[in-house]
């Protein structure tokens, strides 16, 4: 386990030591069916970086991808989007 952290974890942490580099890495990461857990993190990072317009555009794109789905993941993301817009 220690070897794995040294081989993969440390380089990742070193390459993504700032929020800006982590944000870019998240944007370029492979994600699953929207909404993926990384989608929430991308929006949070964008907001912390002062990229409100980008965060809103990202949320809007994910909501379009989700469409009319009514599963729990889709409903939670809609609630997240609503709360985000209330800020």
N, C-alpha and C. Protein backbone atom coordinates (compact mmCIF):
# COMPACT_ATOMS: atom_id res chain seq x y z
N UNK A 1 0.82 -1.18 0.00
CA UNK A 1 0.00 0.00 0.00
C UNK A 1 0.87 1.26 0.00
N UNK A 2 1.91 1.26 0.80
CA UNK A 2 2.81 2.40 0.85
C UNK A 2 3.45 2.61 -0.51
N UNK A 3 3.85 1.54 -1.15
CA UNK A 3 4.48 1.65 -2.47
C UNK A 3 3.51 2.25 -3.48
N UNK A 4 2.26 1.89 -3.39
CA UNK A 4 1.26 2.42 -4.32
C UNK A 4 1.05 3.92 -4.10
N UNK A 5 1.00 4.33 -2.83
CA UNK A 5 0.86 5.75 -2.54
C UNK A 5 2.08 6.51 -3.05
N UNK A 6 3.27 5.95 -2.84
CA UNK A 6 4.48 6.59 -3.33
C UNK A 6 4.49 6.67 -4.85
N UNK A 7 4.02 5.63 -5.49
CA UNK A 7 4.08 5.57 -6.96
C UNK A 7 3.00 6.43 -7.63
N UNK A 8 1.79 6.43 -7.07
CA UNK A 8 0.68 7.13 -7.72
C UNK A 8 0.18 8.34 -6.92
N UNK A 9 0.05 8.19 -5.63
CA UNK A 9 -0.52 9.25 -4.81
C UNK A 9 0.34 10.49 -4.72
N UNK A 10 1.61 10.31 -4.39
CA UNK A 10 2.50 11.47 -4.26
C UNK A 10 2.64 12.25 -5.55
N UNK A 11 2.88 11.59 -6.68
CA UNK A 11 2.96 12.37 -7.93
C UNK A 11 1.67 13.14 -8.23
N UNK A 12 0.53 12.52 -7.97
CA UNK A 12 -0.74 13.21 -8.19
C UNK A 12 -0.84 14.45 -7.31
N UNK A 13 -0.50 14.30 -6.02
CA UNK A 13 -0.57 15.43 -5.10
C UNK A 13 0.41 16.53 -5.49
N UNK A 14 1.60 16.15 -5.93
CA UNK A 14 2.60 17.14 -6.34
C UNK A 14 2.17 17.87 -7.61
N UNK A 15 1.58 17.15 -8.55
CA UNK A 15 1.14 17.77 -9.80
C UNK A 15 -0.09 18.64 -9.61
N UNK A 16 -0.84 18.40 -8.58
CA UNK A 16 -2.10 19.12 -8.36
C UNK A 16 -2.10 19.84 -7.02
N UNK A 17 -0.98 20.46 -6.70
CA UNK A 17 -0.82 21.09 -5.39
C UNK A 17 -1.60 22.40 -5.26
N UNK A 18 -2.02 23.00 -6.36
CA UNK A 18 -2.81 24.22 -6.28
C UNK A 18 -4.23 23.91 -6.73
N UNK A 19 -5.15 24.73 -6.30
CA UNK A 19 -6.54 24.53 -6.69
C UNK A 19 -6.71 24.67 -8.20
N UNK A 20 -5.97 25.58 -8.81
CA UNK A 20 -6.07 25.78 -10.26
C UNK A 20 -5.64 24.53 -11.03
N UNK A 21 -4.54 23.91 -10.62
CA UNK A 21 -4.10 22.71 -11.33
C UNK A 21 -5.03 21.53 -11.04
N UNK A 22 -5.54 21.46 -9.82
CA UNK A 22 -6.50 20.40 -9.49
C UNK A 22 -7.78 20.57 -10.31
N UNK A 23 -8.26 21.80 -10.43
CA UNK A 23 -9.45 22.09 -11.22
C UNK A 23 -9.26 21.63 -12.67
N UNK A 24 -8.13 21.97 -13.25
CA UNK A 24 -7.85 21.55 -14.63
C UNK A 24 -7.77 20.03 -14.75
N UNK A 25 -7.17 19.39 -13.76
CA UNK A 25 -7.08 17.92 -13.78
C UNK A 25 -8.48 17.31 -13.70
N UNK A 26 -9.33 17.87 -12.86
CA UNK A 26 -10.70 17.36 -12.73
C UNK A 26 -11.47 17.52 -14.05
N UNK A 27 -11.29 18.68 -14.68
CA UNK A 27 -11.97 18.91 -15.96
C UNK A 27 -11.56 17.89 -17.02
N UNK A 28 -10.32 17.46 -16.96
CA UNK A 28 -9.80 16.53 -17.96
C UNK A 28 -9.90 15.07 -17.55
N UNK A 29 -10.51 14.82 -16.40
CA UNK A 29 -10.66 13.44 -15.93
C UNK A 29 -11.83 12.76 -16.62
N UNK A 30 -11.72 11.46 -16.76
CA UNK A 30 -12.84 10.70 -17.29
C UNK A 30 -13.89 10.60 -16.19
N UNK A 31 -15.13 10.83 -16.61
CA UNK A 31 -16.23 10.76 -15.65
C UNK A 31 -17.26 9.77 -16.16
N UNK A 32 -18.06 9.29 -15.25
CA UNK A 32 -19.11 8.34 -15.60
C UNK A 32 -20.38 9.05 -16.03
N UNK A 33 -21.46 8.35 -15.91
CA UNK A 33 -22.77 8.90 -16.29
C UNK A 33 -23.06 10.12 -15.44
N UNK A 34 -23.47 11.21 -16.06
CA UNK A 34 -23.78 12.39 -15.26
C UNK A 34 -25.00 12.16 -14.39
N UNK A 35 -25.03 12.71 -13.21
CA UNK A 35 -23.97 13.47 -12.59
C UNK A 35 -22.96 12.56 -11.90
N UNK A 36 -21.74 12.70 -12.25
CA UNK A 36 -20.65 11.96 -11.63
C UNK A 36 -20.21 12.73 -10.38
N UNK A 37 -19.61 12.05 -9.42
CA UNK A 37 -19.15 12.73 -8.21
C UNK A 37 -18.15 13.85 -8.51
N UNK A 38 -17.36 13.66 -9.57
CA UNK A 38 -16.41 14.71 -9.94
C UNK A 38 -17.12 15.98 -10.40
N UNK A 39 -18.32 15.85 -10.91
CA UNK A 39 -19.06 17.02 -11.38
C UNK A 39 -19.29 18.01 -10.23
N UNK A 40 -19.61 17.51 -9.06
CA UNK A 40 -19.80 18.37 -7.90
C UNK A 40 -18.48 19.07 -7.53
N UNK A 41 -17.40 18.33 -7.59
CA UNK A 41 -16.09 18.89 -7.22
C UNK A 41 -15.62 19.93 -8.21
N UNK A 42 -15.92 19.71 -9.49
CA UNK A 42 -15.55 20.69 -10.52
C UNK A 42 -16.27 22.01 -10.26
N UNK A 43 -17.54 21.94 -9.96
CA UNK A 43 -18.33 23.14 -9.69
C UNK A 43 -17.80 23.85 -8.44
N UNK A 44 -17.50 23.09 -7.40
CA UNK A 44 -16.97 23.69 -6.17
C UNK A 44 -15.63 24.37 -6.42
N UNK A 45 -14.75 23.69 -7.14
CA UNK A 45 -13.43 24.27 -7.43
C UNK A 45 -13.57 25.53 -8.28
N UNK A 46 -14.43 25.49 -9.27
CA UNK A 46 -14.64 26.67 -10.12
C UNK A 46 -15.11 27.86 -9.28
N UNK A 47 -16.04 27.62 -8.39
CA UNK A 47 -16.53 28.70 -7.53
C UNK A 47 -15.44 29.23 -6.61
N UNK A 48 -14.66 28.35 -6.03
CA UNK A 48 -13.57 28.79 -5.15
C UNK A 48 -12.52 29.59 -5.91
N UNK A 49 -12.37 29.29 -7.19
CA UNK A 49 -11.42 30.03 -8.03
C UNK A 49 -12.02 31.32 -8.59
N UNK A 50 -13.27 31.60 -8.25
CA UNK A 50 -13.92 32.81 -8.75
C UNK A 50 -14.43 32.67 -10.18
N UNK A 51 -14.56 31.44 -10.64
CA UNK A 51 -15.02 31.18 -12.01
C UNK A 51 -16.52 30.87 -11.99
N UNK A 52 -17.29 31.80 -11.51
CA UNK A 52 -18.73 31.61 -11.35
C UNK A 52 -19.42 31.33 -12.69
N UNK A 53 -19.05 32.06 -13.72
CA UNK A 53 -19.66 31.87 -15.04
C UNK A 53 -19.40 30.46 -15.55
N UNK A 54 -18.15 29.99 -15.39
CA UNK A 54 -17.79 28.64 -15.83
C UNK A 54 -18.55 27.59 -15.03
N UNK A 55 -18.68 27.83 -13.72
CA UNK A 55 -19.41 26.88 -12.87
C UNK A 55 -20.87 26.78 -13.30
N UNK A 56 -21.49 27.92 -13.57
CA UNK A 56 -22.89 27.92 -13.99
C UNK A 56 -23.05 27.24 -15.35
N UNK A 57 -22.13 27.50 -16.26
CA UNK A 57 -22.20 26.87 -17.58
C UNK A 57 -22.03 25.36 -17.46
N UNK A 58 -21.14 24.93 -16.59
CA UNK A 58 -20.92 23.50 -16.37
C UNK A 58 -22.18 22.85 -15.81
N UNK A 59 -22.80 23.49 -14.82
CA UNK A 59 -24.02 22.96 -14.22
C UNK A 59 -25.13 22.89 -15.27
N UNK A 60 -25.26 23.94 -16.06
CA UNK A 60 -26.29 23.94 -17.10
C UNK A 60 -26.08 22.80 -18.09
N UNK A 61 -24.82 22.57 -18.48
CA UNK A 61 -24.52 21.48 -19.42
C UNK A 61 -24.87 20.12 -18.81
N UNK A 62 -24.56 19.94 -17.53
CA UNK A 62 -24.88 18.67 -16.87
C UNK A 62 -26.39 18.49 -16.74
N UNK A 63 -27.10 19.56 -16.45
CA UNK A 63 -28.56 19.46 -16.37
C UNK A 63 -29.16 19.07 -17.72
N UNK A 64 -28.60 19.61 -18.80
CA UNK A 64 -29.07 19.21 -20.14
C UNK A 64 -28.78 17.73 -20.39
N UNK A 65 -27.60 17.27 -19.95
CA UNK A 65 -27.24 15.86 -20.12
C UNK A 65 -28.19 14.95 -19.33
N UNK A 66 -28.53 15.38 -18.14
CA UNK A 66 -29.42 14.60 -17.28
C UNK A 66 -30.83 14.57 -17.89
N UNK A 67 -31.22 15.68 -18.47
CA UNK A 67 -32.53 15.75 -19.12
C UNK A 67 -33.68 15.52 -18.17
N UNK A 68 -34.57 14.62 -18.54
CA UNK A 68 -35.77 14.37 -17.74
C UNK A 68 -35.64 13.15 -16.83
N UNK A 69 -34.41 12.67 -16.67
CA UNK A 69 -34.23 11.53 -15.78
C UNK A 69 -34.79 11.86 -14.40
N UNK A 70 -35.33 10.86 -13.74
CA UNK A 70 -35.88 11.09 -12.40
C UNK A 70 -35.29 10.15 -11.35
N UNK A 71 -34.10 9.61 -11.65
CA UNK A 71 -33.43 8.77 -10.66
C UNK A 71 -32.85 9.64 -9.55
N UNK A 72 -32.44 8.99 -8.49
CA UNK A 72 -31.96 9.73 -7.31
C UNK A 72 -30.75 10.61 -7.61
N UNK A 73 -29.81 10.12 -8.40
CA UNK A 73 -28.62 10.91 -8.73
C UNK A 73 -29.01 12.18 -9.47
N UNK A 74 -29.92 12.06 -10.42
CA UNK A 74 -30.37 13.23 -11.18
C UNK A 74 -31.09 14.23 -10.28
N UNK A 75 -31.93 13.71 -9.39
CA UNK A 75 -32.68 14.59 -8.48
C UNK A 75 -31.74 15.32 -7.52
N UNK A 76 -30.73 14.64 -7.01
CA UNK A 76 -29.76 15.27 -6.11
C UNK A 76 -28.99 16.37 -6.84
N UNK A 77 -28.62 16.12 -8.09
CA UNK A 77 -27.88 17.15 -8.83
C UNK A 77 -28.77 18.36 -9.10
N UNK A 78 -30.03 18.13 -9.39
CA UNK A 78 -30.95 19.26 -9.57
C UNK A 78 -31.06 20.09 -8.29
N UNK A 79 -31.13 19.42 -7.14
CA UNK A 79 -31.18 20.13 -5.86
C UNK A 79 -29.89 20.93 -5.65
N UNK A 80 -28.77 20.31 -5.97
CA UNK A 80 -27.46 20.98 -5.87
C UNK A 80 -27.46 22.24 -6.74
N UNK A 81 -27.93 22.11 -7.97
CA UNK A 81 -27.96 23.24 -8.90
C UNK A 81 -28.86 24.36 -8.38
N UNK A 82 -29.99 23.99 -7.82
CA UNK A 82 -30.91 24.98 -7.27
C UNK A 82 -30.27 25.73 -6.11
N UNK A 83 -29.65 25.00 -5.20
CA UNK A 83 -28.99 25.64 -4.04
C UNK A 83 -27.84 26.53 -4.49
N UNK A 84 -27.11 26.09 -5.49
CA UNK A 84 -26.00 26.87 -6.00
C UNK A 84 -26.50 28.20 -6.56
N UNK A 85 -27.61 28.17 -7.25
CA UNK A 85 -28.16 29.39 -7.86
C UNK A 85 -28.76 30.34 -6.83
N UNK A 86 -29.09 29.81 -5.67
CA UNK A 86 -29.63 30.65 -4.60
C UNK A 86 -28.54 31.49 -3.92
N UNK A 87 -27.30 31.16 -4.15
CA UNK A 87 -26.19 31.86 -3.49
C UNK A 87 -25.94 33.20 -4.09
